[in-house]
């Protein structure tokens, strides 16, 4: 997946956006968009780990069009998907992809010695940054 990104002031987080197969598509419903994003990430070795869905998205997904059986689903104020995969030097890469036709994601790598509590804190910080981006 082609990404262009910039390192923020802290130097450790990248905001990523890219042109992808969705850029020229007609407006997709949420279920189709989720499936297209998941398929693209999986094709590049990512594992879909979590979904953040607004109450409206939860209601729209009630018909079972998308299978969430292997994914943790959380109610949120923004719709986004979490993906992870192994990275260099035993690190783990996490990407938080905004559920929108225009690709936008936040990326972070985690050190192998970080505790699950530290990892969860980082994920919550990324979620806050994504909310800030959407609400600006």
Protein backbone atom coordinates (compact mmCIF):
# COMPACT_ATOMS: atom_id res chain seq x y z
CA UNK A 1 0.00 0.00 0.00
CA UNK A 2 1.52 3.34 -0.99
CA UNK A 3 1.64 5.77 1.89
CA UNK A 4 2.94 9.26 2.12
CA UNK A 5 3.33 10.55 5.62
CA UNK A 6 4.83 13.17 7.85
CA UNK A 7 6.42 12.85 11.26
CA UNK A 8 4.78 15.08 13.85
CA UNK A 9 6.56 17.44 16.25
CA UNK A 10 7.21 14.61 18.71
CA UNK A 11 8.93 12.75 15.89
CA UNK A 12 7.33 9.40 16.63
CA UNK A 13 3.85 9.40 15.12
CA UNK A 14 2.97 9.60 11.47
CA UNK A 15 -0.28 10.78 10.00
CA UNK A 16 -0.71 8.80 6.83
CA UNK A 17 -2.88 9.37 3.84
CA UNK A 18 -2.71 7.78 0.46
CA UNK A 19 -4.45 7.34 -2.81
CA UNK A 20 -5.97 3.93 -3.00
CA UNK A 21 -8.65 1.97 -4.80
CA UNK A 22 -11.40 3.94 -3.02
CA UNK A 23 -10.44 7.36 -4.38
CA UNK A 24 -12.40 7.03 -7.64
CA UNK A 25 -15.24 4.87 -6.38
CA UNK A 26 -18.80 5.97 -6.06
CA UNK A 27 -19.98 6.53 -2.53
CA UNK A 28 -19.97 3.19 -0.70
CA UNK A 29 -22.19 2.21 2.18
CA UNK A 30 -20.40 1.62 5.48
CA UNK A 31 -20.46 -2.17 5.20
CA UNK A 32 -18.95 -2.13 1.70
CA UNK A 33 -16.35 0.41 2.80
CA UNK A 34 -15.34 -1.71 5.80
CA UNK A 35 -15.02 -4.80 3.62
CA UNK A 36 -12.93 -2.97 1.01
CA UNK A 37 -10.60 -1.49 3.64
CA UNK A 38 -10.21 -4.84 5.45
CA UNK A 39 -9.51 -6.66 2.18
CA UNK A 40 -6.85 -4.10 1.22
CA UNK A 41 -5.09 -4.24 4.58
CA UNK A 42 -5.18 -8.04 4.71
CA UNK A 43 -3.68 -8.21 1.23
CA UNK A 44 -0.68 -6.33 2.67
CA UNK A 45 -0.25 -8.56 5.72
CA UNK A 46 -2.26 -6.62 8.30
CA UNK A 47 -4.64 -8.29 10.78
CA UNK A 48 -7.96 -6.58 11.53
CA UNK A 49 -7.99 -6.33 15.33
CA UNK A 50 -10.66 -3.85 16.42
CA UNK A 51 -13.50 -1.69 15.17
CA UNK A 52 -14.56 1.64 16.63
CA UNK A 53 -18.15 2.38 15.63
CA UNK A 54 -20.54 5.21 16.35
CA UNK A 55 -24.03 4.22 17.54
CA UNK A 56 -25.29 5.01 14.01
CA UNK A 57 -22.73 2.64 12.49
CA UNK A 58 -23.64 -0.05 15.06
CA UNK A 59 -27.29 0.23 13.97
CA UNK A 60 -26.34 0.08 10.29
CA UNK A 61 -24.23 -3.04 10.89
CA UNK A 62 -27.05 -4.86 12.72
CA UNK A 63 -28.06 -6.69 9.54
CA UNK A 64 -24.90 -8.78 9.68
CA UNK A 65 -23.45 -7.60 6.35
CA UNK A 66 -20.01 -7.43 7.98
CA UNK A 67 -18.65 -10.19 10.21
CA UNK A 68 -17.15 -8.86 13.43
CA UNK A 69 -16.72 -12.30 15.05
CA UNK A 70 -12.90 -12.14 15.32
CA UNK A 71 -12.76 -8.39 16.03
CA UNK A 72 -13.25 -6.41 19.23
CA UNK A 73 -15.98 -3.81 18.60
CA UNK A 74 -16.17 -0.66 20.72
CA UNK A 75 -18.68 2.17 20.69
CA UNK A 76 -16.95 5.43 19.81
CA UNK A 77 -17.55 8.95 18.54
CA UNK A 78 -15.72 8.23 15.29
CA UNK A 79 -15.78 5.22 12.96
CA UNK A 80 -12.36 3.63 12.54
CA UNK A 81 -10.64 0.27 12.16
CA UNK A 82 -7.55 -0.99 14.00
CA UNK A 83 -5.01 -3.16 12.17
CA UNK A 84 -1.77 -4.72 13.41
CA UNK A 85 1.16 -6.68 12.01
CA UNK A 86 4.70 -7.65 12.98
CA UNK A 87 7.33 -5.00 12.32
CA UNK A 88 11.14 -4.85 12.34
CA UNK A 89 13.16 -5.93 15.40
CA UNK A 90 10.23 -7.77 17.03
CA UNK A 91 8.16 -4.58 17.16
CA UNK A 92 4.46 -4.56 16.45
CA UNK A 93 2.94 -2.04 14.04
CA UNK A 94 -0.54 -0.66 14.68
CA UNK A 95 -2.55 1.45 12.27
CA UNK A 96 -5.82 3.21 13.04
CA UNK A 97 -7.72 3.73 9.77
CA UNK A 98 -10.53 6.28 9.62
CA UNK A 99 -13.66 4.76 8.11
CA UNK A 100 -13.97 7.17 5.20
CA UNK A 101 -13.60 6.96 1.45
CA UNK A 102 -10.64 9.34 1.59
CA UNK A 103 -7.86 7.24 3.14
CA UNK A 104 -6.48 8.60 6.42
CA UNK A 105 -4.71 6.63 9.14
CA UNK A 106 -2.43 7.03 12.14
CA UNK A 107 0.52 4.66 12.52
CA UNK A 108 2.67 3.62 15.48
CA UNK A 109 5.15 0.87 16.22
CA UNK A 110 5.35 -0.69 19.67
CA UNK A 111 8.48 -2.03 21.30
CA UNK A 112 8.46 -5.73 22.25
CA UNK A 113 9.08 -4.95 25.93
CA UNK A 114 6.03 -2.67 26.33
CA UNK A 115 3.32 -3.98 28.63
CA UNK A 116 -0.24 -4.47 27.42
CA UNK A 117 -1.21 -1.51 29.62
CA UNK A 118 1.34 0.71 27.81
CA UNK A 119 0.10 -0.56 24.44
CA UNK A 120 -3.50 0.19 25.35
CA UNK A 121 -2.53 3.69 26.50
CA UNK A 122 -0.85 4.32 23.14
CA UNK A 123 -3.93 3.06 21.26
CA UNK A 124 -6.20 5.38 23.30
CA UNK A 125 -3.87 8.32 22.53
CA UNK A 126 -4.08 7.50 18.83
CA UNK A 127 -7.88 7.33 19.05
CA UNK A 128 -7.90 10.79 20.69
CA UNK A 129 -5.69 12.19 17.91
CA UNK A 130 -8.01 10.73 15.28
CA UNK A 131 -11.06 12.28 17.01
CA UNK A 132 -9.24 15.63 17.09
CA UNK A 133 -8.48 15.33 13.38
CA UNK A 134 -12.10 14.51 12.49
CA UNK A 135 -13.52 17.28 14.70
CA UNK A 136 -11.22 20.10 13.62
